């Protein structure tokens, strides 16, 4: 994605297993897009760029004031994935 994007909205969801970011952008040609991805949670600017470049498409309606229950399931799935990855890394180190 080489096109400049205007950041419109950002949400962060954090649990013991990690952080998930949801970022909505407006591309230079006017299209709105929303993305979701797990992030490190250490640098907001880098995390936003990570979500935009590596995140999965997410419904734009997430930021319309009434997030659907299905959106929260997607966030929970991402946090569960992070938890499994953390557990795998701990097992590999021990």
PDB file of N, CA and C in Angstrom:
ATOM      1  N   UNK A   1       0.842  -1.177   0.000  1.00  0.00           N
ATOM      2  CA  UNK A   1       0.000   0.000   0.000  1.00  0.00           C
ATOM      3  C   UNK A   1       0.884   1.235   0.000  1.00  0.00           C
ATOM      4  N   UNK A   2       1.058   1.817  -1.117  1.00  0.00           N
ATOM      5  CA  UNK A   2       1.918   2.977  -1.213  1.00  0.00           C
ATOM      6  C   UNK A   2       1.127   4.278  -1.162  1.00  0.00           C
ATOM      7  N   UNK A   3      -0.184   4.204  -1.324  1.00  0.00           N
ATOM      8  CA  UNK A   3      -1.043   5.386  -1.303  1.00  0.00           C
ATOM      9  C   UNK A   3      -1.145   5.935   0.125  1.00  0.00           C
ATOM     10  N   UNK A   4      -1.094   7.258   0.254  1.00  0.00           N
ATOM     11  CA  UNK A   4      -1.271   7.887   1.555  1.00  0.00           C
ATOM     12  C   UNK A   4      -2.686   7.670   2.067  1.00  0.00           C
ATOM     13  N   UNK A   5      -2.790   7.467   3.364  1.00  0.00           N
ATOM     14  CA  UNK A   5      -4.089   7.264   3.990  1.00  0.00           C
ATOM     15  C   UNK A   5      -4.260   8.256   5.134  1.00  0.00           C
ATOM     16  N   UNK A   6      -5.427   8.868   5.209  1.00  0.00           N
ATOM     17  CA  UNK A   6      -5.774   9.738   6.327  1.00  0.00           C
ATOM     18  C   UNK A   6      -6.379   8.861   7.421  1.00  0.00           C
ATOM     19  N   UNK A   7      -5.827   8.923   8.619  1.00  0.00           N
ATOM     20  CA  UNK A   7      -6.335   8.135   9.745  1.00  0.00           C
ATOM     21  C   UNK A   7      -7.613   8.810  10.239  1.00  0.00           C
ATOM     22  N   UNK A   8      -8.719   8.064  10.221  1.00  0.00           N
ATOM     23  CA  UNK A   8     -10.010   8.606  10.659  1.00  0.00           C
ATOM     24  C   UNK A   8     -10.353   8.206  12.083  1.00  0.00           C
ATOM     25  N   UNK A   9     -10.155   6.935  12.423  1.00  0.00           N
ATOM     26  CA  UNK A   9     -10.516   6.416  13.743  1.00  0.00           C
ATOM     27  C   UNK A   9      -9.574   5.292  14.130  1.00  0.00           C
ATOM     28  N   UNK A  10      -9.348   5.159  15.436  1.00  0.00           N
ATOM     29  CA  UNK A  10      -8.513   4.082  15.962  1.00  0.00           C
ATOM     30  C   UNK A  10      -9.146   3.571  17.248  1.00  0.00           C
ATOM     31  N   UNK A  11      -9.228   2.255  17.387  1.00  0.00           N
ATOM     32  CA  UNK A  11      -9.660   1.614  18.635  1.00  0.00           C
ATOM     33  C   UNK A  11      -8.599   0.606  19.033  1.00  0.00           C
ATOM     34  N   UNK A  12      -8.362   0.499  20.349  1.00  0.00           N
ATOM     35  CA  UNK A  12      -7.434  -0.494  20.881  1.00  0.00           C
ATOM     36  C   UNK A  12      -8.188  -1.364  21.877  1.00  0.00           C
ATOM     37  N   UNK A  13      -7.966  -2.660  21.803  1.00  0.00           N
ATOM     38  CA  UNK A  13      -8.545  -3.609  22.750  1.00  0.00           C
ATOM     39  C   UNK A  13      -7.393  -4.397  23.346  1.00  0.00           C
ATOM     40  N   UNK A  14      -7.288  -4.374  24.677  1.00  0.00           N
ATOM     41  CA  UNK A  14      -6.171  -5.023  25.347  1.00  0.00           C
ATOM     42  C   UNK A  14      -6.691  -6.020  26.370  1.00  0.00           C
ATOM     43  N   UNK A  15      -6.043  -7.174  26.386  1.00  0.00           N
ATOM     44  CA  UNK A  15      -6.328  -8.212  27.370  1.00  0.00           C
ATOM     45  C   UNK A  15      -4.983  -8.763  27.835  1.00  0.00           C
ATOM     46  N   UNK A  16      -5.021  -9.704  28.744  1.00  0.00           N
ATOM     47  CA  UNK A  16      -3.775 -10.296  29.239  1.00  0.00           C
ATOM     48  C   UNK A  16      -2.953 -10.900  28.111  1.00  0.00           C
ATOM     49  N   UNK A  17      -3.625 -11.359  27.056  1.00  0.00           N
ATOM     50  CA  UNK A  17      -2.926 -12.019  25.956  1.00  0.00           C
ATOM     51  C   UNK A  17      -2.323 -11.052  24.942  1.00  0.00           C
ATOM     52  N   UNK A  18      -2.676  -9.768  24.993  1.00  0.00           N
ATOM     53  CA  UNK A  18      -2.108  -8.813  24.057  1.00  0.00           C
ATOM     54  C   UNK A  18      -3.083  -7.726  23.648  1.00  0.00           C
ATOM     55  N   UNK A  19      -2.744  -7.011  22.578  1.00  0.00           N
ATOM     56  CA  UNK A  19      -3.528  -5.869  22.111  1.00  0.00           C
ATOM     57  C   UNK A  19      -3.920  -6.068  20.652  1.00  0.00           C
ATOM     58  N   UNK A  20      -5.149  -5.655  20.349  1.00  0.00           N
ATOM     59  CA  UNK A  20      -5.657  -5.676  18.978  1.00  0.00           C
ATOM     60  C   UNK A  20      -6.025  -4.253  18.606  1.00  0.00           C
ATOM     61  N   UNK A  21      -5.631  -3.832  17.406  1.00  0.00           N
ATOM     62  CA  UNK A  21      -5.970  -2.506  16.917  1.00  0.00           C
ATOM     63  C   UNK A  21      -6.965  -2.575  15.779  1.00  0.00           C
ATOM     64  N   UNK A  22      -7.875  -1.608  15.752  1.00  0.00           N
ATOM     65  CA  UNK A  22      -8.804  -1.444  14.633  1.00  0.00           C
ATOM     66  C   UNK A  22      -8.608  -0.022  14.132  1.00  0.00           C
ATOM     67  N   UNK A  23      -8.267   0.117  12.866  1.00  0.00           N
ATOM     68  CA  UNK A  23      -7.941   1.421  12.292  1.00  0.00           C
ATOM     69  C   UNK A  23      -8.800   1.658  11.054  1.00  0.00           C
ATOM     70  N   UNK A  24      -9.417   2.841  11.003  1.00  0.00           N
ATOM     71  CA  UNK A  24     -10.190   3.241   9.823  1.00  0.00           C
ATOM     72  C   UNK A  24      -9.444   4.375   9.138  1.00  0.00           C
ATOM     73  N   UNK A  25      -9.309   4.251   7.810  1.00  0.00           N
ATOM     74  CA  UNK A  25      -8.589   5.251   7.012  1.00  0.00           C
ATOM     75  C   UNK A  25      -9.452   5.699   5.847  1.00  0.00           C
ATOM     76  N   UNK A  26      -9.083   6.859   5.303  1.00  0.00           N
ATOM     77  CA  UNK A  26      -9.636   7.298   4.022  1.00  0.00           C
ATOM     78  C   UNK A  26      -8.454   7.407   3.075  1.00  0.00           C
ATOM     79  N   UNK A  27      -8.522   6.612   2.003  1.00  0.00           N
ATOM     80  CA  UNK A  27      -7.458   6.614   1.011  1.00  0.00           C
ATOM     81  C   UNK A  27      -7.536   7.875   0.156  1.00  0.00           C
ATOM     82  N   UNK A  28      -6.451   8.192  -0.514  1.00  0.00           N
ATOM     83  CA  UNK A  28      -6.366   9.396  -1.339  1.00  0.00           C
ATOM     84  C   UNK A  28      -7.458   9.495  -2.388  1.00  0.00           C
ATOM     85  N   UNK A  29      -7.996   8.366  -2.830  1.00  0.00           N
ATOM     86  CA  UNK A  29      -9.065   8.373  -3.832  1.00  0.00           C
ATOM     87  C   UNK A  29     -10.447   8.451  -3.194  1.00  0.00           C
ATOM     88  N   UNK A  30     -10.501   8.574  -1.839  1.00  0.00           N
ATOM     89  CA  UNK A  30     -11.766   8.814  -1.151  1.00  0.00           C
ATOM     90  C   UNK A  30     -12.405   7.616  -0.474  1.00  0.00           C
ATOM     91  N   UNK A  31     -11.944   6.416  -0.743  1.00  0.00           N
ATOM     92  CA  UNK A  31     -12.538   5.216  -0.162  1.00  0.00           C
ATOM     93  C   UNK A  31     -12.173   5.074   1.316  1.00  0.00           C
ATOM     94  N   UNK A  32     -13.170   4.746   2.145  1.00  0.00           N
ATOM     95  CA  UNK A  32     -12.933   4.412   3.550  1.00  0.00           C
ATOM     96  C   UNK A  32     -12.679   2.926   3.658  1.00  0.00           C
ATOM     97  N   UNK A  33     -11.689   2.558   4.478  1.00  0.00           N
ATOM     98  CA  UNK A  33     -11.398   1.154   4.757  1.00  0.00           C
ATOM     99  C   UNK A  33     -11.092   1.013   6.238  1.00  0.00           C
ATOM    100  N   UNK A  34     -11.457  -0.128   6.800  1.00  0.00           N
ATOM    101  CA  UNK A  34     -11.185  -0.413   8.206  1.00  0.00           C
ATOM    102  C   UNK A  34     -10.448  -1.744   8.288  1.00  0.00           C
ATOM    103  N   UNK A  35      -9.422  -1.792   9.150  1.00  0.00           N
ATOM    104  CA  UNK A  35      -8.571  -2.971   9.279  1.00  0.00           C
ATOM    105  C   UNK A  35      -8.427  -3.351  10.746  1.00  0.00           C
ATOM    106  N   UNK A  36      -8.193  -4.657  11.012  1.00  0.00           N
ATOM    107  CA  UNK A  36      -7.978  -5.163  12.365  1.00  0.00           C
ATOM    108  C   UNK A  36      -6.744  -6.059  12.357  1.00  0.00           C
ATOM    109  N   UNK A  37      -5.922  -5.945  13.418  1.00  0.00           N
ATOM    110  CA  UNK A  37      -4.736  -6.796  13.532  1.00  0.00           C
ATOM    111  C   UNK A  37      -4.221  -6.778  14.966  1.00  0.00           C
ATOM    112  N   UNK A  38      -3.582  -7.868  15.393  1.00  0.00           N
ATOM    113  CA  UNK A  38      -2.876  -7.842  16.670  1.00  0.00           C
ATOM    114  C   UNK A  38      -1.640  -6.958  16.535  1.00  0.00           C
ATOM    115  N   UNK A  39      -1.277  -6.270  17.611  1.00  0.00           N
ATOM    116  CA  UNK A  39      -0.127  -5.358  17.592  1.00  0.00           C
ATOM    117  C   UNK A  39       0.717  -5.570  18.849  1.00  0.00           C
ATOM    118  N   UNK A  40       1.922  -5.013  18.843  1.00  0.00           N
ATOM    119  CA  UNK A  40       2.801  -5.119  20.008  1.00  0.00           C
ATOM    120  C   UNK A  40       2.324  -4.249  21.167  1.00  0.00           C
ATOM    121  N   UNK A  41       1.714  -3.127  20.855  1.00  0.00           N
ATOM    122  CA  UNK A  41       1.217  -2.264  21.915  1.00  0.00           C
ATOM    123  C   UNK A  41       2.274  -1.400  22.581  1.00  0.00           C
ATOM    124  N   UNK A  42       3.402  -1.185  21.910  1.00  0.00           N
ATOM    125  CA  UNK A  42       4.486  -0.396  22.493  1.00  0.00           C
ATOM    126  C   UNK A  42       4.615   0.988  21.874  1.00  0.00           C
ATOM    127  N   UNK A  43       4.236   1.124  20.593  1.00  0.00           N
ATOM    128  CA  UNK A  43       4.376   2.396  19.896  1.00  0.00           C
ATOM    129  C   UNK A  43       3.129   2.601  19.028  1.00  0.00           C
ATOM    130  N   UNK A  44       2.304   3.557  19.407  1.00  0.00           N
ATOM    131  CA  UNK A  44       1.021   3.746  18.735  1.00  0.00           C
ATOM    132  C   UNK A  44       1.171   4.001  17.240  1.00  0.00           C
ATOM    133  N   UNK A  45       2.095   4.867  16.855  1.00  0.00           N
ATOM    134  CA  UNK A  45       2.264   5.187  15.433  1.00  0.00           C
ATOM    135  C   UNK A  45       2.670   3.954  14.625  1.00  0.00           C
ATOM    136  N   UNK A  46       3.618   3.164  15.155  1.00  0.00           N
ATOM    137  CA  UNK A  46       4.033   1.948  14.462  1.00  0.00           C
ATOM    138  C   UNK A  46       2.895   0.930  14.420  1.00  0.00           C
ATOM    139  N   UNK A  47       2.141   0.837  15.521  1.00  0.00           N
ATOM    140  CA  UNK A  47       1.028  -0.110  15.570  1.00  0.00           C
ATOM    141  C   UNK A  47      -0.052   0.263  14.552  1.00  0.00           C
ATOM    142  N   UNK A  48      -0.336   1.543  14.410  1.00  0.00           N
ATOM    143  CA  UNK A  48      -1.323   1.989  13.415  1.00  0.00           C
ATOM    144  C   UNK A  48      -0.872   1.586  12.020  1.00  0.00           C
ATOM    145  N   UNK A  49       0.398   1.828  11.703  1.00  0.00           N
ATOM    146  CA  UNK A  49       0.915   1.458  10.384  1.00  0.00           C
ATOM    147  C   UNK A  49       0.863  -0.054  10.174  1.00  0.00           C
ATOM    148  N   UNK A  50       1.153  -0.812  11.225  1.00  0.00           N
ATOM    149  CA  UNK A  50       1.085  -2.274  11.126  1.00  0.00           C
ATOM    150  C   UNK A  50      -0.338  -2.730  10.806  1.00  0.00           C
ATOM    151  N   UNK A  51      -1.320  -2.164  11.490  1.00  0.00           N
ATOM    152  CA  UNK A  51      -2.715  -2.545  11.259  1.00  0.00           C
ATOM    153  C   UNK A  51      -3.121  -2.216   9.822  1.00  0.00           C
ATOM    154  N   UNK A  52      -2.756  -1.033   9.346  1.00  0.00           N
ATOM    155  CA  UNK A  52      -3.125  -0.626   7.984  1.00  0.00           C
ATOM    156  C   UNK A  52      -2.490  -1.556   6.944  1.00  0.00           C
ATOM    157  N   UNK A  53      -1.221  -1.880   7.128  1.00  0.00           N
ATOM    158  CA  UNK A  53      -0.487  -2.642   6.112  1.00  0.00           C
ATOM    159  C   UNK A  53      -0.676  -4.149   6.199  1.00  0.00           C
ATOM    160  N   UNK A  54      -0.928  -4.676   7.406  1.00  0.00           N
ATOM    161  CA  UNK A  54      -0.989  -6.126   7.584  1.00  0.00           C
ATOM    162  C   UNK A  54      -2.325  -6.620   8.118  1.00  0.00           C
ATOM    163  N   UNK A  55      -3.232  -5.709   8.447  1.00  0.00           N
ATOM    164  CA  UNK A  55      -4.501  -6.111   9.046  1.00  0.00           C
ATOM    165  C   UNK A  55      -5.492  -6.689   8.049  1.00  0.00           C
ATOM    166  N   UNK A  56      -6.464  -7.375   8.614  1.00  0.00           N
ATOM    167  CA  UNK A  56      -7.560  -7.921   7.812  1.00  0.00           C
ATOM    168  C   UNK A  56      -8.643  -6.863   7.670  1.00  0.00           C
ATOM    169  N   UNK A  57      -9.382  -6.910   6.562  1.00  0.00           N
ATOM    170  CA  UNK A  57     -10.512  -5.999   6.368  1.00  0.00           C
ATOM    171  C   UNK A  57     -11.504  -6.193   7.507  1.00  0.00           C
ATOM    172  N   UNK A  58     -12.098  -5.113   7.950  1.00  0.00           N
ATOM    173  CA  UNK A  58     -13.068  -5.126   9.046  1.00  0.00           C
ATOM    174  C   UNK A  58     -14.214  -4.213   8.633  1.00  0.00           C
ATOM    175  N   UNK A  59     -15.430  -4.468   9.110  1.00  0.00           N
ATOM    176  CA  UNK A  59     -16.565  -3.634   8.686  1.00  0.00           C
ATOM    177  C   UNK A  59     -16.389  -2.161   9.061  1.00  0.00           C
ATOM    178  N   UNK A  60     -16.605  -1.271   8.097  1.00  0.00           N
ATOM    179  CA  UNK A  60     -16.549   0.166   8.379  1.00  0.00           C
ATOM    180  C   UNK A  60     -17.580   0.557   9.433  1.00  0.00           C
ATOM    181  N   UNK A  61     -18.657  -0.201   9.533  1.00  0.00           N
ATOM    182  CA  UNK A  61     -19.730   0.120  10.480  1.00  0.00           C
ATOM    183  C   UNK A  61     -19.261   0.055  11.929  1.00  0.00           C
ATOM    184  N   UNK A  62     -18.081  -0.516  12.180  1.00  0.00           N
ATOM    185  CA  UNK A  62     -17.559  -0.576  13.547  1.00  0.00           C
ATOM    186  C   UNK A  62     -17.514   0.818  14.183  1.00  0.00           C
ATOM    187  N   UNK A  63     -17.230   1.823  13.394  1.00  0.00           N
ATOM    188  CA  UNK A  63     -17.096   3.184  13.918  1.00  0.00           C
ATOM    189  C   UNK A  63     -18.355   4.022  13.727  1.00  0.00           C
ATOM    190  N   UNK A  64     -19.456   3.406  13.380  1.00  0.00           N
ATOM    191  CA  UNK A  64     -20.699   4.147  13.161  1.00  0.00           C
ATOM    192  C   UNK A  64     -21.508   4.369  14.430  1.00  0.00           C
ATOM    193  N   UNK A  65     -20.939   4.070  15.580  1.00  0.00           N
ATOM    194  CA  UNK A  65     -21.618   4.347  16.842  1.00  0.00           C
ATOM    195  C   UNK A  65     -22.271   3.153  17.486  1.00  0.00           C
ATOM    196  N   UNK A  66     -22.489   2.100  16.750  1.00  0.00           N
ATOM    197  CA  UNK A  66     -23.111   0.906  17.318  1.00  0.00           C
ATOM    198  C   UNK A  66     -22.390  -0.324  16.783  1.00  0.00           C
ATOM    199  N   UNK A  67     -21.278  -0.669  17.424  1.00  0.00           N
ATOM    200  CA  UNK A  67     -20.527  -1.844  16.989  1.00  0.00           C
ATOM    201  C   UNK A  67     -21.392  -3.081  17.205  1.00  0.00           C
ATOM    202  N   UNK A  68     -21.413  -3.933  16.218  1.00  0.00           N
ATOM    203  CA  UNK A  68     -22.221  -5.137  16.284  1.00  0.00           C
ATOM    204  C   UNK A  68     -21.539  -6.181  17.162  1.00  0.00           C
ATOM    205  N   UNK A  69     -22.328  -7.075  17.717  1.00  0.00           N
ATOM    206  CA  UNK A  69     -21.792  -8.152  18.540  1.00  0.00           C
ATOM    207  C   UNK A  69     -20.770  -8.961  17.748  1.00  0.00           C
ATOM    208  N   UNK A  70     -21.004  -9.148  16.467  1.00  0.00           N
ATOM    209  CA  UNK A  70     -20.060  -9.924  15.652  1.00  0.00           C
ATOM    210  C   UNK A  70     -18.680  -9.271  15.623  1.00  0.00           C
ATOM    211  N   UNK A  71     -18.615  -7.958  15.720  1.00  0.00           N
ATOM    212  CA  UNK A  71     -17.323  -7.279  15.768  1.00  0.00           C
ATOM    213  C   UNK A  71     -16.561  -7.679  17.022  1.00  0.00           C
ATOM    214  N   UNK A  72     -17.270  -7.761  18.138  1.00  0.00           N
ATOM    215  CA  UNK A  72     -16.613  -8.123  19.383  1.00  0.00           C
ATOM    216  C   UNK A  72     -16.120  -9.563  19.335  1.00  0.00           C
ATOM    217  N   UNK A  73     -16.836 -10.442  18.624  1.00  0.00           N
ATOM    218  CA  UNK A  73     -16.360 -11.815  18.457  1.00  0.00           C
ATOM    219  C   UNK A  73     -15.055 -11.825  17.677  1.00  0.00           C
ATOM    220  N   UNK A  74     -14.939 -10.995  16.666  1.00  0.00           N
ATOM    221  CA  UNK A  74     -13.704 -10.917  15.879  1.00  0.00           C
ATOM    222  C   UNK A  74     -12.549 -10.434  16.743  1.00  0.00           C
ATOM    223  N   UNK A  75     -12.796  -9.436  17.575  1.00  0.00           N
ATOM    224  CA  UNK A  75     -11.762  -8.931  18.485  1.00  0.00           C
ATOM    225  C   UNK A  75     -11.360 -10.034  19.458  1.00  0.00           C
ATOM    226  N   UNK A  76     -12.334 -10.738  20.011  1.00  0.00           N
ATOM    227  CA  UNK A  76     -12.026 -11.812  20.958  1.00  0.00           C
ATOM    228  C   UNK A  76     -11.235 -12.921  20.278  1.00  0.00           C
ATOM    229  N   UNK A  77     -11.576 -13.258  19.041  1.00  0.00           N
ATOM    230  CA  UNK A  77     -10.822 -14.272  18.302  1.00  0.00           C
ATOM    231  C   UNK A  77      -9.360 -13.855  18.139  1.00  0.00           C
ATOM    232  N   UNK A  78      -9.139 -12.580  17.827  1.00  0.00           N
ATOM    233  CA  UNK A  78      -7.772 -12.083  17.664  1.00  0.00           C
ATOM    234  C   UNK A  78      -7.010 -12.147  18.983  1.00  0.00           C
ATOM    235  N   UNK A  79      -7.658 -11.780  20.085  1.00  0.00           N
ATOM    236  CA  UNK A  79      -7.008 -11.854  21.397  1.00  0.00           C
ATOM    237  C   UNK A  79      -6.729 -13.310  21.783  1.00  0.00           C
ATOM    238  N   UNK A  80      -7.644 -14.219  21.472  1.00  0.00           N
ATOM    239  CA  UNK A  80      -7.423 -15.638  21.745  1.00  0.00           C
ATOM    240  C   UNK A  80      -6.221 -16.150  20.966  1.00  0.00           C
ATOM    241  N   UNK A  81      -6.101 -15.718  19.702  1.00  0.00           N
ATOM    242  CA  UNK A  81      -4.960 -16.103  18.873  1.00  0.00           C
ATOM    243  C   UNK A  81      -3.654 -15.638  19.527  1.00  0.00           C
ATOM    244  N   UNK A  82      -3.641 -14.400  19.996  1.00  0.00           N
ATOM    245  CA  UNK A  82      -2.442 -13.884  20.667  1.00  0.00           C
ATOM    246  C   UNK A  82      -2.104 -14.729  21.882  1.00  0.00           C
ATOM    247  N   UNK A  83      -3.111 -15.095  22.653  1.00  0.00           N
ATOM    248  CA  UNK A  83      -2.890 -15.919  23.836  1.00  0.00           C
ATOM    249  C   UNK A  83      -2.273 -17.261  23.484  1.00  0.00           C
ATOM    250  N   UNK A  84      -2.749 -17.889  22.414  1.00  0.00           N
ATOM    251  CA  UNK A  84      -2.188 -19.170  21.982  1.00  0.00           C
ATOM    252  C   UNK A  84      -0.735 -19.003  21.539  1.00  0.00           C
ATOM    253  N   UNK A  85      -0.431 -17.917  20.824  1.00  0.00           N
ATOM    254  CA  UNK A  85       0.942 -17.670  20.376  1.00  0.00           C
ATOM    255  C   UNK A  85       1.873 -17.464  21.572  1.00  0.00           C
ATOM    256  N   UNK A  86       1.412 -16.742  22.567  1.00  0.00           N
ATOM    257  CA  UNK A  86       2.219 -16.509  23.775  1.00  0.00           C
ATOM    258  C   UNK A  86       2.490 -17.834  24.483  1.00  0.00           C
ATOM    259  N   UNK A  87       1.454 -18.679  24.608  1.00  0.00           N
ATOM    260  CA  UNK A  87       1.617 -19.988  25.237  1.00  0.00           C
ATOM    261  C   UNK A  87       2.614 -20.851  24.473  1.00  0.00           C
ATOM    262  N   UNK A  88       2.551 -20.826  23.131  1.00  0.00           N
ATOM    263  CA  UNK A  88       3.483 -21.599  22.305  1.00  0.00           C
ATOM    264  C   UNK A  88       4.914 -21.131  22.519  1.00  0.00           C
ATOM    265  N   UNK A  89       5.116 -19.808  22.578  1.00  0.00           N
ATOM    266  CA  UNK A  89       6.455 -19.269  22.783  1.00  0.00           C
ATOM    267  C   UNK A  89       7.000 -19.649  24.152  1.00  0.00           C
ATOM    268  N   UNK A  90       6.146 -19.642  25.157  1.00  0.00           N
ATOM    269  CA  UNK A  90       6.585 -20.033  26.502  1.00  0.00           C
ATOM    270  C   UNK A  90       7.014 -21.500  26.524  1.00  0.00           C
ATOM    271  N   UNK A  91       6.253 -22.373  25.836  1.00  0.00           N
ATOM    272  CA  UNK A  91       6.597 -23.797  25.786  1.00  0.00           C
ATOM    273  C   UNK A  91       7.913 -24.007  25.067  1.00  0.00           C
ATOM    274  N   UNK A  92       8.147 -23.247  23.989  1.00  0.00           N
ATOM    275  CA  UNK A  92       9.403 -23.384  23.236  1.00  0.00           C
ATOM    276  C   UNK A  92      10.605 -22.962  24.068  1.00  0.00           C
ATOM    277  N   UNK A  93      10.433 -21.969  24.933  1.00  0.00           N
ATOM    278  CA  UNK A  93      11.536 -21.461  25.743  1.00  0.00           C
ATOM    279  C   UNK A  93      11.848 -22.366  26.927  1.00  0.00           C
ATOM    280  N   UNK A  94      10.861 -23.164  27.345  1.00  0.00           N
ATOM    281  CA  UNK A  94      11.103 -24.013  28.525  1.00  0.00           C
ATOM    282  C   UNK A  94      11.533 -25.412  28.164  1.00  0.00           C
TER     283      UNK A  94
END
